[in-house]
Amino acid sequence: MEEEGGLSKPVAMIACIAMALLYVAILYAPTLVLRLPPPPSFNNYMVRRFICAIISSILSLFVSALILPVRTRAAAYLFPVYGIRADHSWQAVTIPLFLTSLMYAGSIFLKLLLLIDSWRQYSSSSGSLSFDLCRNVLLRFLGCFPTILSNVLVWRTCIVAPLTEELVFRACMIPLLLCGGLKIYSVILLCPVFFSLAHLNHFMEIYYKQNYSIIKASQVIGLQLGYTVIFGSYASFLFIRTGHIIPPVIAHMYCNFMGLPALFSPRSGWVSVAVVMGLVAFFYLLLPATSPDLYNDRIDNCSCWHGYCSWGQETGKSPL
C-alpha cells in the first residue's frame, strides 16, 4: 500500500538496498559474471572498476527516476531532485569545504608544525632565513603534480569514488527515502547504513589479499564502517540541507584525501587543543553554514529546499 506521497516505505527501502547491492555487484561482474580474463596491469584493473562504478551510478539514477513520484521524467525536473545543479556552485564548494576542514583542525595544525620544523632545519643548515624553502617546496609540489594526476589510486580515492558513491547513496537514495515518508532525521541515520554495507566487500579483500586474520580484518573493517557511518550521516545532512550534490562530493573528496583526523600527537599537546577548537567551531557553524537560503534562491518556508519534507505528509503530488 502506498503512502500519501505516492511512494511506500517498503518500496523505497527495497530500492535503496538493491542499489547498494548493485553498486558492489557490478564492480565484480566482469570477473564473476562475464568471466573476463584478468586485466594485464593494476591500472587496467582499476580503470575497469571505474567503468563499472559509473555504469552502476547511471543505472541507479535511471531506476530511481522510474520510482520517484514526479510529474515528468524530463532531465530539467529530475536533475534538481538529484541535486545536480549549476547554480550557487561557488557557495556549494567553498562553504562545505571550510566546514569540513574544521574537523581536521588537529591534522592541519600537525602538518603546520612539521612544516615549521622543516623550515627551521633548513634555516639552521643554510645559515639564512630566506624563502628558499618555500620555493623548493612549491617546486617539488608542482613537479609531483603530474605524477599525482597519473596515479590511478588518487583517481579512485579522490575523484571516482566520491562522485559515484554520492550519486548513488545520496542523490538517488535520499529522495526515495524522503518520498517514502521517512523523517529527515531517520534518513540521515539510515542512509549511511546502506553506504556502510557497500563497504563490506573490503573485508574479503583484506582477509584474502593481505593475509590478515579474521579478528584483525574485522577490526579494520569495523573501524572503517564506523567512520563511513559518521561521514555518511554528515554527507546526507549536507545534501538534505543544501539541495546540492556538490557539498557532499566536496566533503567526500576532502575526507578521502585527508584520511582519519589526527586527534593527538606525542610531540605537542596543542594538536589536541586544535582538535577540540575545530570540533567546537564545526558544531557551532554546522547549521548556519548549511542554511538552505545560502544555496537556493527560493525556500518556501521548507526545512529542505526540495520540499521533500512535505511529500509524505501532504495528500497530493510531488512539488515537481
C-alpha atoms as a PDB file:
ATOM      1  CA  MET A   1       0.000   0.000   0.000  1.00  0.00           C
ATOM      2  CA  GLU A   2       1.411   3.376  -0.963  1.00  0.00           C
ATOM      3  CA  GLU A   3       1.818   6.337   1.349  1.00  0.00           C
ATOM      4  CA  GLU A   4       0.101   9.650   0.628  1.00  0.00           C
ATOM      5  CA  GLY A   5       3.238  10.952  -1.092  1.00  0.00           C
ATOM      6  CA  GLY A   6       2.867   8.268  -3.802  1.00  0.00           C
ATOM      7  CA  LEU A   7       5.720   6.008  -2.678  1.00  0.00           C
ATOM      8  CA  SER A   8       5.579   3.373   0.043  1.00  0.00           C
ATOM      9  CA  LYS A   9       8.307   2.914   2.618  1.00  0.00           C
ATOM     10  CA  PRO A  10       8.920  -0.753   1.698  1.00  0.00           C
ATOM     11  CA  VAL A  11       9.432   0.164  -1.957  1.00  0.00           C
ATOM     12  CA  ALA A  12      11.830   2.961  -1.015  1.00  0.00           C
ATOM     13  CA  MET A  13      13.779   0.679   1.349  1.00  0.00           C
ATOM     14  CA  ILE A  14      13.961  -2.205  -1.118  1.00  0.00           C
ATOM     15  CA  ALA A  15      15.096   0.130  -3.883  1.00  0.00           C
ATOM     16  CA  CYS A  16      17.886   1.523  -1.686  1.00  0.00           C
ATOM     17  CA  ILE A  17      19.063  -1.938  -0.659  1.00  0.00           C
ATOM     18  CA  ALA A  18      19.022  -3.032  -4.302  1.00  0.00           C
ATOM     19  CA  MET A  19      21.086  -0.028  -5.367  1.00  0.00           C
ATOM     20  CA  ALA A  20      23.637  -0.648  -2.600  1.00  0.00           C
ATOM     21  CA  LEU A  21      23.995  -4.288  -3.656  1.00  0.00           C
ATOM     22  CA  LEU A  22      24.067  -3.318  -7.325  1.00  0.00           C
ATOM     23  CA  TYR A  23      26.900  -0.869  -6.738  1.00  0.00           C
ATOM     24  CA  VAL A  24      29.079  -3.614  -5.266  1.00  0.00           C
ATOM     25  CA  ALA A  25      27.919  -6.423  -7.568  1.00  0.00           C
ATOM     26  CA  ILE A  26      28.746  -4.542 -10.768  1.00  0.00           C
ATOM     27  CA  LEU A  27      32.304  -3.998  -9.549  1.00  0.00           C
ATOM     28  CA  TYR A  28      32.823  -7.769  -9.557  1.00  0.00           C
ATOM     29  CA  ALA A  29      30.599  -8.562 -12.548  1.00  0.00           C
ATOM     30  CA  PRO A  30      33.395  -8.611 -15.171  1.00  0.00           C
ATOM     31  CA  THR A  31      35.219 -11.367 -13.281  1.00  0.00           C
ATOM     32  CA  LEU A  32      32.420 -13.379 -11.642  1.00  0.00           C
ATOM     33  CA  VAL A  33      29.616 -12.994 -14.188  1.00  0.00           C
ATOM     34  CA  LEU A  34      31.139 -12.138 -17.551  1.00  0.00           C
ATOM     35  CA  ARG A  35      34.193 -14.327 -16.873  1.00  0.00           C
ATOM     36  CA  LEU A  36      36.509 -11.798 -18.456  1.00  0.00           C
ATOM     37  CA  PRO A  37      40.232 -12.500 -18.152  1.00  0.00           C
ATOM     38  CA  PRO A  38      42.176 -10.545 -15.525  1.00  0.00           C
ATOM     39  CA  PRO A  39      43.449  -7.172 -16.767  1.00  0.00           C
ATOM     40  CA  PRO A  40      47.126  -7.130 -17.763  1.00  0.00           C
ATOM     41  CA  SER A  41      48.005  -4.446 -15.207  1.00  0.00           C
ATOM     42  CA  PHE A  42      46.740  -2.893 -11.990  1.00  0.00           C
ATOM     43  CA  ASN A  43      45.949   0.352 -13.801  1.00  0.00           C
ATOM     44  CA  ASN A  44      43.768  -1.505 -16.298  1.00  0.00           C
ATOM     45  CA  TYR A  45      42.075  -3.317 -13.422  1.00  0.00           C
ATOM     46  CA  MET A  46      41.228  -0.007 -11.737  1.00  0.00           C
ATOM     47  CA  VAL A  47      40.013   1.542 -14.990  1.00  0.00           C
ATOM     48  CA  ARG A  48      37.668  -1.428 -15.397  1.00  0.00           C
ATOM     49  CA  ARG A  49      36.324  -0.801 -11.899  1.00  0.00           C
ATOM     50  CA  PHE A  50      35.898   2.884 -12.694  1.00  0.00           C
ATOM     51  CA  ILE A  51      33.748   1.974 -15.676  1.00  0.00           C
ATOM     52  CA  CYS A  52      31.711  -0.433 -13.562  1.00  0.00           C
ATOM     53  CA  ALA A  53      31.136   2.225 -10.871  1.00  0.00           C
ATOM     54  CA  ILE A  54      29.998   4.725 -13.495  1.00  0.00           C
ATOM     55  CA  ILE A  55      27.611   2.168 -15.019  1.00  0.00           C
ATOM     56  CA  SER A  56      26.209   1.409 -11.579  1.00  0.00           C
ATOM     57  CA  SER A  57      25.636   5.117 -10.907  1.00  0.00           C
ATOM     58  CA  ILE A  58      23.820   5.596 -14.209  1.00  0.00           C
ATOM     59  CA  LEU A  59      21.621   2.557 -13.556  1.00  0.00           C
ATOM     60  CA  SER A  60      20.760   3.829 -10.063  1.00  0.00           C
ATOM     61  CA  LEU A  61      19.812   7.226 -11.467  1.00  0.00           C
ATOM     62  CA  PHE A  62      17.621   5.539 -14.067  1.00  0.00           C
ATOM     63  CA  VAL A  63      15.915   3.206 -11.575  1.00  0.00           C
ATOM     64  CA  SER A  64      15.235   5.941  -9.042  1.00  0.00           C
ATOM     65  CA  ALA A  65      13.830   8.153 -11.811  1.00  0.00           C
ATOM     66  CA  LEU A  66      11.287   5.442 -12.609  1.00  0.00           C
ATOM     67  CA  ILE A  67      10.258   5.085  -8.958  1.00  0.00           C
ATOM     68  CA  LEU A  68      10.165   8.721  -7.819  1.00  0.00           C
ATOM     69  CA  PRO A  69       6.651  10.220  -7.849  1.00  0.00           C
ATOM     70  CA  VAL A  70       7.456  13.191 -10.056  1.00  0.00           C
ATOM     71  CA  ARG A  71       5.197  14.655 -12.685  1.00  0.00           C
ATOM     72  CA  THR A  72       7.644  14.298 -15.543  1.00  0.00           C
ATOM     73  CA  ARG A  73      10.813  12.369 -16.266  1.00  0.00           C
ATOM     74  CA  ALA A  74      12.419  15.286 -18.063  1.00  0.00           C
ATOM     75  CA  ALA A  75      16.014  15.919 -17.061  1.00  0.00           C
ATOM     76  CA  ALA A  76      15.201  19.534 -16.211  1.00  0.00           C
ATOM     77  CA  TYR A  77      12.982  18.270 -13.381  1.00  0.00           C
ATOM     78  CA  LEU A  78      14.944  15.210 -12.314  1.00  0.00           C
ATOM     79  CA  PHE A  79      18.420  16.728 -12.127  1.00  0.00           C
ATOM     80  CA  PRO A  80      17.448  19.220  -9.382  1.00  0.00           C
ATOM     81  CA  VAL A  81      15.897  16.334  -7.425  1.00  0.00           C
ATOM     82  CA  TYR A  82      19.294  14.644  -7.537  1.00  0.00           C
ATOM     83  CA  GLY A  83      20.980  17.889  -6.523  1.00  0.00           C
ATOM     84  CA  ILE A  84      22.692  18.140  -9.911  1.00  0.00           C
ATOM     85  CA  ARG A  85      22.667  21.903 -10.334  1.00  0.00           C
ATOM     86  CA  ALA A  86      24.929  24.628 -11.661  1.00  0.00           C
ATOM     87  CA  ASP A  87      23.552  27.499  -9.586  1.00  0.00           C
ATOM     88  CA  HIS A  88      25.181  28.525  -6.297  1.00  0.00           C
ATOM     89  CA  SER A  89      28.193  26.368  -7.153  1.00  0.00           C
ATOM     90  CA  TRP A  90      30.632  28.778  -5.523  1.00  0.00           C
ATOM     91  CA  GLN A  91      28.844  28.523  -2.180  1.00  0.00           C
ATOM     92  CA  ALA A  92      28.407  24.766  -2.596  1.00  0.00           C
ATOM     93  CA  VAL A  93      32.175  24.328  -2.936  1.00  0.00           C
ATOM     94  CA  THR A  94      33.734  26.824  -0.538  1.00  0.00           C
ATOM     95  CA  ILE A  95      31.420  26.761   2.487  1.00  0.00           C
ATOM     96  CA  PRO A  96      31.232  22.945   2.955  1.00  0.00           C
ATOM     97  CA  LEU A  97      34.979  22.715   2.258  1.00  0.00           C
ATOM     98  CA  PHE A  98      35.705  25.183   5.073  1.00  0.00           C
ATOM     99  CA  LEU A  99      33.202  23.469   7.376  1.00  0.00           C
ATOM    100  CA  THR A 100      34.689  20.024   6.745  1.00  0.00           C
ATOM    101  CA  SER A 101      38.231  21.298   7.256  1.00  0.00           C
ATOM    102  CA  LEU A 102      37.303  22.259  10.829  1.00  0.00           C
ATOM    103  CA  MET A 103      37.073  18.544  11.664  1.00  0.00           C
ATOM    104  CA  TYR A 104      40.702  18.247  10.557  1.00  0.00           C
ATOM    105  CA  ALA A 105      41.986  21.163  12.615  1.00  0.00           C
ATOM    106  CA  GLY A 106      44.323  18.815  14.509  1.00  0.00           C
ATOM    107  CA  SER A 107      45.680  17.288  11.307  1.00  0.00           C
ATOM    108  CA  ILE A 108      46.192  20.705   9.715  1.00  0.00           C
ATOM    109  CA  PHE A 109      47.920  22.027  12.837  1.00  0.00           C
ATOM    110  CA  LEU A 110      50.182  18.963  12.943  1.00  0.00           C
ATOM    111  CA  LYS A 111      51.172  19.456   9.300  1.00  0.00           C
ATOM    112  CA  LEU A 112      51.883  23.094  10.094  1.00  0.00           C
ATOM    113  CA  LEU A 113      54.214  22.034  12.920  1.00  0.00           C
ATOM    114  CA  LEU A 114      56.061  19.698  10.568  1.00  0.00           C
ATOM    115  CA  LEU A 115      56.401  22.486   8.027  1.00  0.00           C
ATOM    116  CA  ILE A 116      57.797  24.841  10.687  1.00  0.00           C
ATOM    117  CA  ASP A 117      60.309  22.177  11.780  1.00  0.00           C
ATOM    118  CA  SER A 118      61.447  21.728   8.193  1.00  0.00           C
ATOM    119  CA  TRP A 119      61.808  25.483   7.818  1.00  0.00           C
ATOM    120  CA  ARG A 120      63.901  25.697  11.000  1.00  0.00           C
ATOM    121  CA  GLN A 121      66.142  22.809   9.938  1.00  0.00           C
ATOM    122  CA  TYR A 122      66.655  24.367   6.535  1.00  0.00           C
ATOM    123  CA  SER A 123      67.400  27.767   8.064  1.00  0.00           C
ATOM    124  CA  SER A 124      69.933  26.352  10.524  1.00  0.00           C
ATOM    125  CA  SER A 125      71.715  24.329   7.848  1.00  0.00           C
ATOM    126  CA  SER A 126      71.805  27.135   5.291  1.00  0.00           C
ATOM    127  CA  GLY A 127      72.518  29.862   7.841  1.00  0.00           C
ATOM    128  CA  SER A 128      69.861  32.135   6.395  1.00  0.00           C
ATOM    129  CA  LEU A 129      66.177  32.837   6.859  1.00  0.00           C
ATOM    130  CA  SER A 130      65.390  33.083   3.175  1.00  0.00           C
ATOM    131  CA  PHE A 131      62.314  31.916   1.350  1.00  0.00           C
ATOM    132  CA  ASP A 132      64.237  29.235  -0.492  1.00  0.00           C
ATOM    133  CA  LEU A 133      62.462  26.516   1.442  1.00  0.00           C
ATOM    134  CA  CYS A 134      59.046  27.761   0.365  1.00  0.00           C
ATOM    135  CA  ARG A 135      60.238  27.944  -3.214  1.00  0.00           C
ATOM    136  CA  ASN A 136      61.699  24.432  -3.041  1.00  0.00           C
ATOM    137  CA  VAL A 137      58.505  23.039  -1.515  1.00  0.00           C
ATOM    138  CA  LEU A 138      56.427  24.741  -4.202  1.00  0.00           C
ATOM    139  CA  LEU A 139      58.672  23.470  -6.997  1.00  0.00           C
ATOM    140  CA  ARG A 140      58.625  19.963  -5.553  1.00  0.00           C
ATOM    141  CA  PHE A 141      54.838  20.034  -5.352  1.00  0.00           C
ATOM    142  CA  LEU A 142      54.495  21.292  -8.912  1.00  0.00           C
ATOM    143  CA  GLY A 143      56.929  18.616 -10.032  1.00  0.00           C
ATOM    144  CA  CYS A 144      54.898  15.898  -8.308  1.00  0.00           C
ATOM    145  CA  PHE A 145      51.578  17.199  -9.613  1.00  0.00           C
ATOM    146  CA  PRO A 146      51.685  15.324 -12.953  1.00  0.00           C
ATOM    147  CA  THR A 147      52.632  12.137 -11.087  1.00  0.00           C
ATOM    148  CA  ILE A 148      49.726  12.606  -8.695  1.00  0.00           C
ATOM    149  CA  LEU A 149      47.275  13.122 -11.558  1.00  0.00           C
ATOM    150  CA  SER A 150      48.504   9.974 -13.295  1.00  0.00           C
ATOM    151  CA  ASN A 151      48.152   7.881 -10.114  1.00  0.00           C
ATOM    152  CA  VAL A 152      45.146   5.616 -10.533  1.00  0.00           C
ATOM    153  CA  LEU A 153      44.699   5.286  -6.760  1.00  0.00           C
ATOM    154  CA  VAL A 154      44.366   9.062  -6.460  1.00  0.00           C
ATOM    155  CA  TRP A 155      41.659   8.992  -9.110  1.00  0.00           C
ATOM    156  CA  ARG A 156      39.861   6.201  -7.261  1.00  0.00           C
ATOM    157  CA  THR A 157      40.077   7.802  -3.824  1.00  0.00           C
ATOM    158  CA  CYS A 158      39.573  11.460  -4.650  1.00  0.00           C
ATOM    159  CA  ILE A 159      37.553  11.502  -7.875  1.00  0.00           C
ATOM    160  CA  VAL A 160      35.696   8.371  -8.968  1.00  0.00           C
ATOM    161  CA  ALA A 161      34.645   7.007  -5.566  1.00  0.00           C
ATOM    162  CA  PRO A 162      33.314  10.323  -4.198  1.00  0.00           C
ATOM    163  CA  LEU A 163      31.398  11.120  -7.389  1.00  0.00           C
ATOM    164  CA  THR A 164      29.810   7.720  -7.959  1.00  0.00           C
ATOM    165  CA  GLU A 165      29.124   6.944  -4.294  1.00  0.00           C
ATOM    166  CA  GLU A 166      27.484  10.309  -3.655  1.00  0.00           C
ATOM    167  CA  LEU A 167      25.323   9.937  -6.747  1.00  0.00           C
ATOM    168  CA  VAL A 168      24.103   6.520  -5.617  1.00  0.00           C
ATOM    169  CA  PHE A 169      23.983   6.811  -1.825  1.00  0.00           C
ATOM    170  CA  ARG A 170      22.887  10.428  -1.565  1.00  0.00           C
ATOM    171  CA  ALA A 171      21.380  11.726  -4.809  1.00  0.00           C
ATOM    172  CA  CYS A 172      19.391   8.559  -5.569  1.00  0.00           C
ATOM    173  CA  MET A 173      18.598   7.160  -2.138  1.00  0.00           C
ATOM    174  CA  ILE A 174      17.693  10.254  -0.139  1.00  0.00           C
ATOM    175  CA  PRO A 175      14.877  11.422  -2.450  1.00  0.00           C
ATOM    176  CA  LEU A 176      13.438   7.894  -2.420  1.00  0.00           C
ATOM    177  CA  LEU A 177      13.527   7.639   1.365  1.00  0.00           C
ATOM    178  CA  LEU A 178      12.053  11.101   1.882  1.00  0.00           C
ATOM    179  CA  CYS A 179       9.342  10.488  -0.707  1.00  0.00           C
ATOM    180  CA  GLY A 180       8.589   7.233   1.091  1.00  0.00           C
ATOM    181  CA  GLY A 181       7.572   9.260   4.122  1.00  0.00           C
ATOM    182  CA  LEU A 182      10.615   8.777   6.334  1.00  0.00           C
ATOM    183  CA  LYS A 183      11.511  11.649   8.614  1.00  0.00           C
ATOM    184  CA  ILE A 184      14.597  13.652   7.813  1.00  0.00           C
ATOM    185  CA  TYR A 185      16.489  12.524  10.914  1.00  0.00           C
ATOM    186  CA  SER A 186      15.638   8.894  10.068  1.00  0.00           C
ATOM    187  CA  VAL A 187      17.045   9.323   6.574  1.00  0.00           C
ATOM    188  CA  ILE A 188      20.230  10.924   7.922  1.00  0.00           C
ATOM    189  CA  LEU A 189      20.749   7.905  10.191  1.00  0.00           C
ATOM    190  CA  LEU A 190      19.526   5.212   7.797  1.00  0.00           C
ATOM    191  CA  CYS A 191      21.195   6.234   4.529  1.00  0.00           C
ATOM    192  CA  PRO A 192      24.737   5.736   5.946  1.00  0.00           C
ATOM    193  CA  VAL A 193      23.797   2.152   6.827  1.00  0.00           C
ATOM    194  CA  PHE A 194      23.394   1.354   3.131  1.00  0.00           C
ATOM    195  CA  PHE A 195      26.615   3.259   2.493  1.00  0.00           C
ATOM    196  CA  SER A 196      28.465   1.142   5.065  1.00  0.00           C
ATOM    197  CA  LEU A 197      27.046  -2.149   3.804  1.00  0.00           C
ATOM    198  CA  ALA A 198      28.529  -1.370   0.396  1.00  0.00           C
ATOM    199  CA  HIS A 199      31.971  -1.360   2.023  1.00  0.00           C
ATOM    200  CA  LEU A 200      31.669  -4.862   3.490  1.00  0.00           C
ATOM    201  CA  ASN A 201      33.279  -6.263   0.353  1.00  0.00           C
ATOM    202  CA  HIS A 202      36.562  -4.810   1.627  1.00  0.00           C
ATOM    203  CA  PHE A 203      36.577  -7.490   4.329  1.00  0.00           C
ATOM    204  CA  MET A 204      37.202 -10.255   1.801  1.00  0.00           C
ATOM    205  CA  GLU A 205      39.854  -8.183   0.045  1.00  0.00           C
ATOM    206  CA  ILE A 206      41.698  -7.529   3.308  1.00  0.00           C
ATOM    207  CA  TYR A 207      41.282 -11.076   4.582  1.00  0.00           C
ATOM    208  CA  TYR A 208      42.432 -12.861   1.427  1.00  0.00           C
ATOM    209  CA  LYS A 209      44.739 -10.424  -0.367  1.00  0.00           C
ATOM    210  CA  GLN A 210      46.545  -9.023   2.674  1.00  0.00           C
ATOM    211  CA  ASN A 211      46.508 -12.285   4.654  1.00  0.00           C
ATOM    212  CA  TYR A 212      45.003 -10.681   7.756  1.00  0.00           C
ATOM    213  CA  SER A 213      43.495 -12.855  10.450  1.00  0.00           C
ATOM    214  CA  ILE A 214      39.715 -12.790  10.802  1.00  0.00           C
ATOM    215  CA  ILE A 215      39.989 -10.811  14.040  1.00  0.00           C
ATOM    216  CA  LYS A 216      42.341  -8.206  12.603  1.00  0.00           C
ATOM    217  CA  ALA A 217      40.361  -7.929   9.372  1.00  0.00           C
ATOM    218  CA  SER A 218      37.172  -7.482  11.437  1.00  0.00           C
ATOM    219  CA  GLN A 219      38.808  -4.736  13.478  1.00  0.00           C
ATOM    220  CA  VAL A 220      39.950  -2.901  10.365  1.00  0.00           C
ATOM    221  CA  ILE A 221      36.553  -3.190   8.701  1.00  0.00           C
ATOM    222  CA  GLY A 222      34.772  -2.288  11.943  1.00  0.00           C
ATOM    223  CA  LEU A 223      36.765   0.929  12.174  1.00  0.00           C
ATOM    224  CA  GLN A 224      36.087   1.650   8.519  1.00  0.00           C
ATOM    225  CA  LEU A 225      32.351   1.004   8.877  1.00  0.00           C
ATOM    226  CA  GLY A 226      32.157   3.262  11.925  1.00  0.00           C
ATOM    227  CA  TYR A 227      33.895   6.021  10.022  1.00  0.00           C
ATOM    228  CA  THR A 228      31.648   5.588   6.973  1.00  0.00           C
ATOM    229  CA  VAL A 229      28.517   5.756   9.148  1.00  0.00           C
ATOM    230  CA  ILE A 230      29.663   9.038  10.693  1.00  0.00           C
ATOM    231  CA  PHE A 231      30.699  10.508   7.366  1.00  0.00           C
ATOM    232  CA  GLY A 232      27.574   9.175   5.643  1.00  0.00           C
ATOM    233  CA  SER A 233      25.371  10.947   8.182  1.00  0.00           C
ATOM    234  CA  TYR A 234      27.265  14.171   7.602  1.00  0.00           C
ATOM    235  CA  ALA A 235      27.086  13.840   3.813  1.00  0.00           C
ATOM    236  CA  SER A 236      23.351  13.083   3.985  1.00  0.00           C
ATOM    237  CA  PHE A 237      22.858  16.123   6.202  1.00  0.00           C
ATOM    238  CA  LEU A 238      24.710  18.303   3.678  1.00  0.00           C
ATOM    239  CA  PHE A 239      22.641  17.013   0.779  1.00  0.00           C
ATOM    240  CA  ILE A 240      19.296  17.498   2.503  1.00  0.00           C
ATOM    241  CA  ARG A 241      20.132  20.937   3.879  1.00  0.00           C
ATOM    242  CA  THR A 242      21.658  22.388   0.712  1.00  0.00           C
ATOM    243  CA  GLY A 243      19.792  20.553  -2.032  1.00  0.00           C
ATOM    244  CA  HIS A 244      23.127  20.356  -3.846  1.00  0.00           C
ATOM    245  CA  ILE A 245      25.164  17.269  -4.714  1.00  0.00           C
ATOM    246  CA  ILE A 246      28.369  19.328  -4.727  1.00  0.00           C
ATOM    247  CA  PRO A 247      28.708  19.758  -0.907  1.00  0.00           C
ATOM    248  CA  PRO A 248      28.726  16.015  -0.087  1.00  0.00           C
ATOM    249  CA  VAL A 249      31.008  15.318  -3.054  1.00  0.00           C
ATOM    250  CA  ILE A 250      33.472  18.002  -1.944  1.00  0.00           C
ATOM    251  CA  ALA A 251      33.350  16.749   1.660  1.00  0.00           C
ATOM    252  CA  HIS A 252      33.888  13.183   0.441  1.00  0.00           C
ATOM    253  CA  MET A 253      36.885  14.160  -1.671  1.00  0.00           C
ATOM    254  CA  TYR A 254      38.420  16.147   1.164  1.00  0.00           C
ATOM    255  CA  CYS A 255      37.925  13.406   3.775  1.00  0.00           C
ATOM    256  CA  ASN A 256      39.332  10.743   1.459  1.00  0.00           C
ATOM    257  CA  PHE A 257      42.346  12.939   0.777  1.00  0.00           C
ATOM    258  CA  MET A 258      42.985  13.696   4.455  1.00  0.00           C
ATOM    259  CA  GLY A 259      42.214  10.238   5.861  1.00  0.00           C
ATOM    260  CA  LEU A 260      41.360   9.787   9.528  1.00  0.00           C
ATOM    261  CA  PRO A 261      41.697  13.026  11.513  1.00  0.00           C
ATOM    262  CA  ALA A 262      44.622  13.341  13.925  1.00  0.00           C
ATOM    263  CA  LEU A 263      43.284  13.541  17.483  1.00  0.00           C
ATOM    264  CA  PHE A 264      46.559  13.946  19.354  1.00  0.00           C
ATOM    265  CA  SER A 265      50.318  13.981  18.845  1.00  0.00           C
ATOM    266  CA  PRO A 266      53.085  12.917  21.257  1.00  0.00           C
ATOM    267  CA  ARG A 267      55.161  15.866  20.144  1.00  0.00           C
ATOM    268  CA  SER A 268      52.644  18.582  21.053  1.00  0.00           C
ATOM    269  CA  GLY A 269      49.573  18.813  23.232  1.00  0.00           C
ATOM    270  CA  TRP A 270      48.416  21.761  21.138  1.00  0.00           C
ATOM    271  CA  VAL A 271      47.244  19.306  18.491  1.00  0.00           C
ATOM    272  CA  SER A 272      44.535  18.082  20.866  1.00  0.00           C
ATOM    273  CA  VAL A 273      43.640  21.683  21.659  1.00  0.00           C
ATOM    274  CA  ALA A 274      43.290  22.347  17.923  1.00  0.00           C
ATOM    275  CA  VAL A 275      41.066  19.260  17.609  1.00  0.00           C
ATOM    276  CA  VAL A 276      38.737  20.479  20.365  1.00  0.00           C
ATOM    277  CA  MET A 277      38.604  24.008  18.991  1.00  0.00           C
ATOM    278  CA  GLY A 278      37.920  22.702  15.495  1.00  0.00           C
ATOM    279  CA  LEU A 279      35.089  20.468  16.664  1.00  0.00           C
ATOM    280  CA  VAL A 280      33.525  23.268  18.715  1.00  0.00           C
ATOM    281  CA  ALA A 281      33.661  25.583  15.693  1.00  0.00           C
ATOM    282  CA  PHE A 282      32.297  22.817  13.443  1.00  0.00           C
ATOM    283  CA  PHE A 283      29.196  22.167  15.533  1.00  0.00           C
ATOM    284  CA  TYR A 284      28.673  25.880  16.163  1.00  0.00           C
ATOM    285  CA  LEU A 285      28.722  26.650  12.431  1.00  0.00           C
ATOM    286  CA  LEU A 286      27.038  23.442  11.215  1.00  0.00           C
ATOM    287  CA  LEU A 287      23.514  24.843  10.918  1.00  0.00           C
ATOM    288  CA  PRO A 288      24.383  28.396   9.805  1.00  0.00           C
ATOM    289  CA  ALA A 289      26.865  27.150   7.181  1.00  0.00           C
ATOM    290  CA  THR A 290      24.311  24.731   5.721  1.00  0.00           C
ATOM    291  CA  SER A 291      21.343  27.084   5.812  1.00  0.00           C
ATOM    292  CA  PRO A 292      19.264  26.389   2.677  1.00  0.00           C
ATOM    293  CA  ASP A 293      18.990  30.084   1.801  1.00  0.00           C
ATOM    294  CA  LEU A 294      22.762  30.152   1.156  1.00  0.00           C
ATOM    295  CA  TYR A 295      22.400  27.629  -1.650  1.00  0.00           C
ATOM    296  CA  ASN A 296      18.984  28.406  -3.097  1.00  0.00           C
ATOM    297  CA  ASP A 297      17.067  31.403  -4.369  1.00  0.00           C
ATOM    298  CA  ARG A 298      13.732  30.216  -3.044  1.00  0.00           C
ATOM    299  CA  ILE A 299      12.971  28.329   0.165  1.00  0.00           C
ATOM    300  CA  ASP A 300       9.157  28.468   0.551  1.00  0.00           C
ATOM    301  CA  ASN A 301       9.479  28.069   4.326  1.00  0.00           C
ATOM    302  CA  CYS A 302      10.622  24.467   3.964  1.00  0.00           C
ATOM    303  CA  SER A 303      13.429  22.925   6.009  1.00  0.00           C
ATOM    304  CA  CYS A 304      14.887  21.498   2.803  1.00  0.00           C
ATOM    305  CA  TRP A 305      14.811  23.414  -0.457  1.00  0.00           C
ATOM    306  CA  HIS A 306      13.421  20.467  -2.444  1.00  0.00           C
ATOM    307  CA  GLY A 307      10.192  20.305  -0.482  1.00  0.00           C
ATOM    308  CA  TYR A 308      10.805  16.612   0.207  1.00  0.00           C
ATOM    309  CA  CYS A 309       9.871  17.078   3.838  1.00  0.00           C
ATOM    310  CA  SER A 310       6.244  17.641   2.819  1.00  0.00           C
ATOM    311  CA  TRP A 311       5.949  14.869   0.272  1.00  0.00           C
ATOM    312  CA  GLY A 312       4.972  12.165   2.724  1.00  0.00           C
ATOM    313  CA  GLN A 313       2.728  14.436   4.780  1.00  0.00           C
ATOM    314  CA  GLU A 314       0.505  16.171   2.262  1.00  0.00           C
ATOM    315  CA  THR A 315      -2.037  14.480   0.081  1.00  0.00           C
ATOM    316  CA  GLY A 316      -1.167  15.052  -3.244  1.00  0.00           C
ATOM    317  CA  LYS A 317       1.579  15.098  -5.679  1.00  0.00           C
ATOM    318  CA  SER A 318       5.208  15.892  -5.592  1.00  0.00           C
ATOM    319  CA  PRO A 319       6.001  19.607  -5.873  1.00  0.00           C
ATOM    320  CA  LEU A 320       7.820  18.724  -9.062  1.00  0.00           C
END
